[in-house]
Amino acid sequence: MPTSRKPIKVALFDIGSTLWSSPAEDPGALAYCYGRGRDALVAYHGDAPSMEDLIDAVEGYFAEWEDIWKADNTRVLQEPTADFVGRALKKLGLEPPPDVLSAFTDAILETSIYTAKALEPEEGMPEALAALRGLGVRIGCVSNAFMGAGVLNRILDERGLGRHCELTISSCDFGYRKPHPRIYEEALRAMGVEAPEAVFVGDRVDADVEGPAGLGMRTVLTHQYRQEDPGRAKSPPDAVIQHLSDLPAVLKRWLAG
C-alpha cells in the first residue's frame, strides 16, 4: 500500500456471487413461499392461478430485468420490488390492491432465505469475515437485489455471516443500483468513513470494481463463484482473489504498508 493511501477501516461487500453462491432457488423453497403468496391472493380474489404459473410469471419477469440491467449498466434507477411483482401478476390478469400485493411480495421474496437454509455450510466463509474483524476492519454490504435489506440480512444469518456485518444496503430499498455513485456514497456515509478508507469486494467489474474505484475506494475482484476478466476494467482491481479466505491476507499486507 503506498504511503499516501489511508489505512483500510471498512470492507464493503457485494452479496450475490460474492458472500454466497446465489444458486437456483430450491424447489421446496419456491413451493412453500409461493404457496403462501398464493394464499394471500386467494383470500382476496377467491381464486388464483396455479402456483406453477405464478412462479413462471414472477420469476421470469425478475429474470428479464436482470438481463436488462446486465446488458445496460447505465440503467441505475430501481423501483420497489412490489411494482415489478404487480406488473408480472397483471400479465396473469391479477391486479391486487396494495396490501394484498405487499403480502404476496413479502412471501415470495423469502424464497432465497429458505434456499439458504437448504444449502450446506461453506467452509472458510464465516472465518474469513471474522479474520477481517480481527484486523480491525468493519464490514458492510451493498447489493443490487430485488430483496430488501431485511431479507438479505436473514440470508447472511443463515450462512453464518450476518453477525459480522454492520450495514446492508439493497438497491430495491435505496432506489439506485450499482454502479451509480450514490449507493456507494450512502454506504460510506453510514459507516462514517471516506472512500480511501474503504475497500469494495465483489464479482462484477462494472458494479464492484469500476464504480467504487471511481470514488477512490480500493477494490478486490473475487473469482470464487464467477470469473470476470479484470483486464477489461477501466480501473483495474487492486487485487483478485479466488476465495473469500484469501482476503484477510490481502488486507493485512495493505494495513502493514
Protein backbone atom coordinates (compact mmCIF):
# COMPACT_ATOMS: atom_id res chain seq x y z
CA MET A 1 0.00 0.00 0.00
CA PRO A 2 1.54 3.32 -0.98
CA THR A 3 2.28 5.58 2.00
CA SER A 4 -0.06 8.24 0.56
CA ARG A 5 -3.06 5.96 0.93
CA LYS A 6 -5.12 5.83 4.09
CA PRO A 7 -5.40 2.61 6.13
CA ILE A 8 -8.44 0.48 5.36
CA LYS A 9 -11.13 0.82 8.02
CA VAL A 10 -14.13 -0.71 6.22
CA ALA A 11 -14.71 -3.55 3.78
CA LEU A 12 -17.88 -3.25 1.71
CA PHE A 13 -19.14 -6.41 0.03
CA ASP A 14 -21.44 -7.31 -2.77
CA ILE A 15 -23.61 -10.26 -1.63
CA GLY A 16 -24.77 -12.41 -4.56
CA SER A 17 -21.93 -14.46 -6.08
CA THR A 18 -19.59 -12.87 -3.53
CA LEU A 19 -20.68 -13.76 0.00
CA TRP A 20 -22.91 -16.59 -1.14
CA SER A 21 -23.27 -18.56 -4.33
CA SER A 22 -26.71 -17.24 -5.41
CA PRO A 23 -27.82 -20.71 -6.50
CA ALA A 24 -31.01 -21.57 -8.35
CA GLU A 25 -33.88 -21.42 -5.90
CA ASP A 26 -34.57 -24.64 -4.02
CA PRO A 27 -37.79 -26.26 -5.39
CA GLY A 28 -39.13 -26.81 -1.90
CA ALA A 29 -38.46 -23.16 -1.01
CA LEU A 30 -40.27 -21.99 -4.16
CA ALA A 31 -43.26 -24.19 -3.41
CA TYR A 32 -43.51 -23.09 0.21
CA CYS A 33 -43.10 -19.35 -0.36
CA TYR A 34 -45.21 -19.10 -3.50
CA GLY A 35 -47.82 -21.25 -1.79
CA ARG A 36 -48.06 -18.67 0.99
CA GLY A 37 -48.21 -15.89 -1.58
CA ARG A 38 -50.97 -17.66 -3.49
CA ASP A 39 -52.96 -17.99 -0.27
CA ALA A 40 -52.89 -14.19 0.06
CA LEU A 41 -54.23 -13.81 -3.49
CA VAL A 42 -56.94 -16.42 -2.96
CA ALA A 43 -58.06 -14.70 0.25
CA TYR A 44 -58.74 -11.55 -1.79
CA HIS A 45 -59.73 -12.81 -5.24
CA GLY A 46 -61.39 -16.07 -4.19
CA ASP A 47 -59.15 -17.87 -6.68
CA ALA A 48 -55.68 -17.52 -8.22
CA PRO A 49 -53.55 -19.04 -10.97
CA SER A 50 -51.67 -22.21 -10.15
CA MET A 51 -48.50 -21.95 -8.11
CA GLU A 52 -46.51 -23.03 -11.17
CA ASP A 53 -47.99 -20.22 -13.27
CA LEU A 54 -47.24 -17.68 -10.54
CA ILE A 55 -43.64 -18.85 -10.30
CA ASP A 56 -43.17 -18.73 -14.08
CA ALA A 57 -44.67 -15.25 -14.34
CA VAL A 58 -42.88 -13.56 -11.44
CA GLU A 59 -39.51 -15.33 -11.54
CA GLY A 60 -39.50 -14.96 -15.31
CA TYR A 61 -40.13 -11.23 -15.04
CA PHE A 62 -37.36 -10.87 -12.48
CA ALA A 63 -35.01 -12.71 -14.87
CA GLU A 64 -35.99 -10.41 -17.75
CA TRP A 65 -34.99 -7.38 -15.73
CA GLU A 66 -31.76 -8.94 -14.53
CA ASP A 67 -30.85 -9.43 -18.21
CA ILE A 68 -31.80 -5.81 -19.00
CA TRP A 69 -29.59 -4.48 -16.19
CA LYS A 70 -26.67 -6.71 -17.16
CA ALA A 71 -26.89 -5.53 -20.78
CA ASP A 72 -27.03 -1.84 -19.83
CA ASN A 73 -25.35 -0.78 -16.60
CA THR A 74 -26.41 2.83 -17.17
CA ARG A 75 -29.95 1.85 -16.14
CA VAL A 76 -29.38 2.54 -12.48
CA LEU A 77 -32.83 3.51 -11.19
CA GLN A 78 -34.75 0.71 -9.48
CA GLU A 79 -38.40 0.78 -8.46
CA PRO A 80 -39.70 -1.00 -5.35
CA THR A 81 -39.94 -4.74 -5.92
CA ALA A 82 -43.71 -4.77 -5.43
CA ASP A 83 -44.01 -2.68 -8.60
CA PHE A 84 -42.24 -5.42 -10.60
CA VAL A 85 -44.37 -8.10 -8.98
CA GLY A 86 -47.54 -6.14 -9.72
CA ARG A 87 -46.67 -5.94 -13.42
CA ALA A 88 -45.91 -9.67 -13.52
CA LEU A 89 -49.25 -10.50 -11.89
CA LYS A 90 -51.08 -8.20 -14.30
CA LYS A 91 -49.91 -10.46 -17.13
CA LEU A 92 -51.94 -13.18 -15.41
CA GLY A 93 -54.99 -10.95 -15.16
CA LEU A 94 -54.48 -10.10 -11.49
CA GLU A 95 -54.47 -6.58 -10.04
CA PRO A 96 -54.47 -6.99 -6.25
CA PRO A 97 -54.75 -3.91 -4.02
CA PRO A 98 -51.56 -2.61 -2.36
CA ASP A 99 -51.96 -4.56 0.89
CA VAL A 100 -52.52 -7.87 -0.90
CA LEU A 101 -49.70 -7.16 -3.35
CA SER A 102 -47.41 -6.37 -0.42
CA ALA A 103 -48.35 -9.63 1.36
CA PHE A 104 -47.72 -11.66 -1.82
CA THR A 105 -44.40 -9.91 -2.47
CA ASP A 106 -43.17 -10.38 1.10
CA ALA A 107 -44.00 -14.08 0.96
CA ILE A 108 -42.26 -14.85 -2.32
CA LEU A 109 -39.12 -12.84 -1.51
CA GLU A 110 -38.45 -15.20 1.38
CA THR A 111 -37.72 -17.96 -1.16
CA SER A 112 -33.98 -17.22 -1.07
CA ILE A 113 -33.96 -17.42 2.74
CA TYR A 114 -35.33 -20.96 2.59
CA THR A 115 -32.90 -21.79 -0.23
CA ALA A 116 -30.07 -20.58 2.02
CA LYS A 117 -31.38 -22.83 4.80
CA ALA A 118 -31.27 -25.82 2.44
CA LEU A 119 -27.61 -25.35 1.43
CA GLU A 120 -24.72 -26.93 3.28
CA PRO A 121 -22.42 -24.51 5.14
CA GLU A 122 -19.45 -23.29 3.09
CA GLU A 123 -16.03 -23.85 4.55
CA GLY A 124 -13.98 -20.81 5.46
CA MET A 125 -16.60 -18.12 4.82
CA PRO A 126 -17.55 -17.02 8.37
CA GLU A 127 -13.94 -17.44 9.43
CA ALA A 128 -12.76 -15.06 6.71
CA LEU A 129 -15.09 -12.30 7.89
CA ALA A 130 -14.08 -12.95 11.49
CA ALA A 131 -10.44 -12.58 10.45
CA LEU A 132 -11.17 -9.20 8.87
CA ARG A 133 -12.81 -8.01 12.05
CA GLY A 134 -9.77 -9.28 13.92
CA LEU A 135 -7.72 -6.86 11.83
CA GLY A 136 -9.97 -4.03 12.99
CA VAL A 137 -11.83 -3.82 9.67
CA ARG A 138 -15.58 -3.18 9.88
CA ILE A 139 -17.91 -4.84 7.39
CA GLY A 140 -20.91 -3.72 5.36
CA CYS A 141 -22.79 -4.89 2.27
CA VAL A 142 -24.09 -3.12 -0.83
CA SER A 143 -26.20 -5.25 -3.14
CA ASN A 144 -28.18 -4.94 -6.36
CA ALA A 145 -31.21 -7.03 -5.46
CA PHE A 146 -34.95 -7.49 -5.62
CA MET A 147 -34.76 -8.45 -1.95
CA GLY A 148 -34.67 -5.71 0.65
CA ALA A 149 -32.01 -5.40 3.32
CA GLY A 150 -34.12 -7.32 5.84
CA VAL A 151 -34.28 -10.39 3.61
CA LEU A 152 -30.60 -10.12 2.65
CA ASN A 153 -29.66 -9.98 6.32
CA ARG A 154 -31.63 -13.13 7.02
CA ILE A 155 -29.80 -14.88 4.16
CA LEU A 156 -26.48 -13.79 5.64
CA ASP A 157 -27.60 -15.05 9.04
CA GLU A 158 -28.43 -18.47 7.55
CA ARG A 159 -24.94 -18.61 6.03
CA GLY A 160 -23.30 -17.70 9.36
CA LEU A 161 -22.16 -14.29 8.08
CA GLY A 162 -24.71 -11.83 9.39
CA ARG A 163 -23.17 -11.33 12.82
CA HIS A 164 -20.09 -9.83 11.19
CA CYS A 165 -21.95 -7.21 9.11
CA GLU A 166 -22.93 -3.78 10.45
CA LEU A 167 -24.78 -2.49 7.41
CA THR A 168 -26.71 -3.77 4.41
CA ILE A 169 -27.96 -1.53 1.59
CA SER A 170 -30.15 -3.03 -1.13
CA SER A 171 -30.83 -1.26 -4.41
CA CYS A 172 -34.55 -2.06 -4.21
CA ASP A 173 -34.76 -0.08 -0.95
CA PHE A 174 -32.42 2.72 -1.95
CA GLY A 175 -33.71 3.29 -5.49
CA TYR A 176 -30.29 3.36 -7.17
CA ARG A 177 -28.28 0.40 -8.39
CA LYS A 178 -24.54 -0.08 -8.59
CA PRO A 179 -22.56 1.36 -10.35
CA HIS A 180 -24.35 4.66 -9.60
CA PRO A 181 -22.13 6.57 -7.14
CA ARG A 182 -24.99 7.43 -4.77
CA ILE A 183 -25.35 3.89 -3.45
CA TYR A 184 -21.65 3.65 -2.54
CA GLU A 185 -21.69 7.16 -1.08
CA GLU A 186 -24.60 6.19 1.15
CA ALA A 187 -22.67 3.18 2.44
CA LEU A 188 -19.59 5.30 3.16
CA ARG A 189 -21.74 7.90 4.92
CA ALA A 190 -23.49 5.26 7.02
CA MET A 191 -20.17 3.66 8.00
CA GLY A 192 -18.62 7.06 8.76
CA VAL A 193 -15.57 6.71 6.51
CA GLU A 194 -14.10 8.36 3.43
CA ALA A 195 -13.68 6.46 0.18
CA PRO A 196 -9.88 5.95 0.54
CA GLU A 197 -10.53 4.25 3.89
CA ALA A 198 -12.72 1.56 2.27
CA VAL A 199 -12.25 -1.44 0.04
CA PHE A 200 -15.06 -2.85 -2.10
CA VAL A 201 -15.18 -6.61 -2.74
CA GLY A 202 -17.35 -8.21 -5.41
CA ASP A 203 -17.59 -10.36 -8.50
CA ARG A 204 -18.53 -7.79 -11.18
CA VAL A 205 -16.09 -5.49 -12.96
CA ASP A 206 -18.58 -2.68 -13.55
CA ALA A 207 -20.53 -2.69 -10.28
CA ASP A 208 -17.86 -3.83 -7.84
CA VAL A 209 -14.62 -2.52 -9.33
CA GLU A 210 -15.14 0.43 -11.68
CA GLY A 211 -17.95 2.05 -9.66
CA PRO A 212 -16.18 2.04 -6.28
CA ALA A 213 -12.81 2.90 -7.82
CA GLY A 214 -14.37 5.98 -9.38
CA LEU A 215 -14.94 7.32 -5.86
CA GLY A 216 -11.45 6.47 -4.66
CA MET A 217 -12.07 3.14 -2.97
CA ARG A 218 -9.69 0.25 -3.34
CA THR A 219 -11.24 -2.80 -4.96
CA VAL A 220 -10.95 -6.57 -4.87
CA LEU A 221 -12.44 -8.76 -7.60
CA THR A 222 -13.44 -12.22 -6.41
CA HIS A 223 -13.42 -15.27 -8.68
CA GLN A 224 -14.98 -17.62 -6.14
CA TYR A 225 -18.34 -18.05 -7.87
CA ARG A 226 -17.97 -16.08 -11.10
CA GLN A 227 -14.86 -15.20 -13.11
CA GLU A 228 -14.92 -11.85 -14.87
CA ASP A 229 -11.77 -10.69 -16.63
CA PRO A 230 -10.06 -7.98 -14.53
CA GLY A 231 -8.21 -6.83 -17.64
CA ARG A 232 -11.34 -5.26 -19.10
CA ALA A 233 -11.86 -2.95 -16.12
CA LYS A 234 -11.30 0.76 -16.82
CA SER A 235 -9.80 0.91 -13.32
CA PRO A 236 -8.11 -2.46 -12.66
CA PRO A 237 -8.85 -4.05 -9.27
CA ASP A 238 -6.19 -3.67 -6.61
CA ALA A 239 -6.34 -7.43 -6.03
CA VAL A 240 -8.01 -10.55 -7.40
CA ILE A 241 -8.88 -13.40 -5.04
CA GLN A 242 -10.03 -16.96 -5.64
CA HIS A 243 -11.86 -17.41 -2.33
CA LEU A 244 -13.03 -15.14 0.45
CA SER A 245 -10.48 -16.78 2.73
CA ASP A 246 -7.74 -15.10 0.63
CA LEU A 247 -8.95 -11.63 1.55
CA PRO A 248 -7.60 -11.26 5.11
CA ALA A 249 -4.03 -11.77 3.87
CA VAL A 250 -4.52 -9.06 1.22
CA LEU A 251 -5.82 -6.54 3.73
CA LYS A 252 -3.14 -7.50 6.24
CA ARG A 253 -0.46 -6.59 3.65
CA TRP A 254 -2.17 -3.28 2.91
CA LEU A 255 -2.53 -2.43 6.57
CA ALA A 256 1.13 -3.24 7.12
CA GLY A 257 2.08 -0.90 4.28
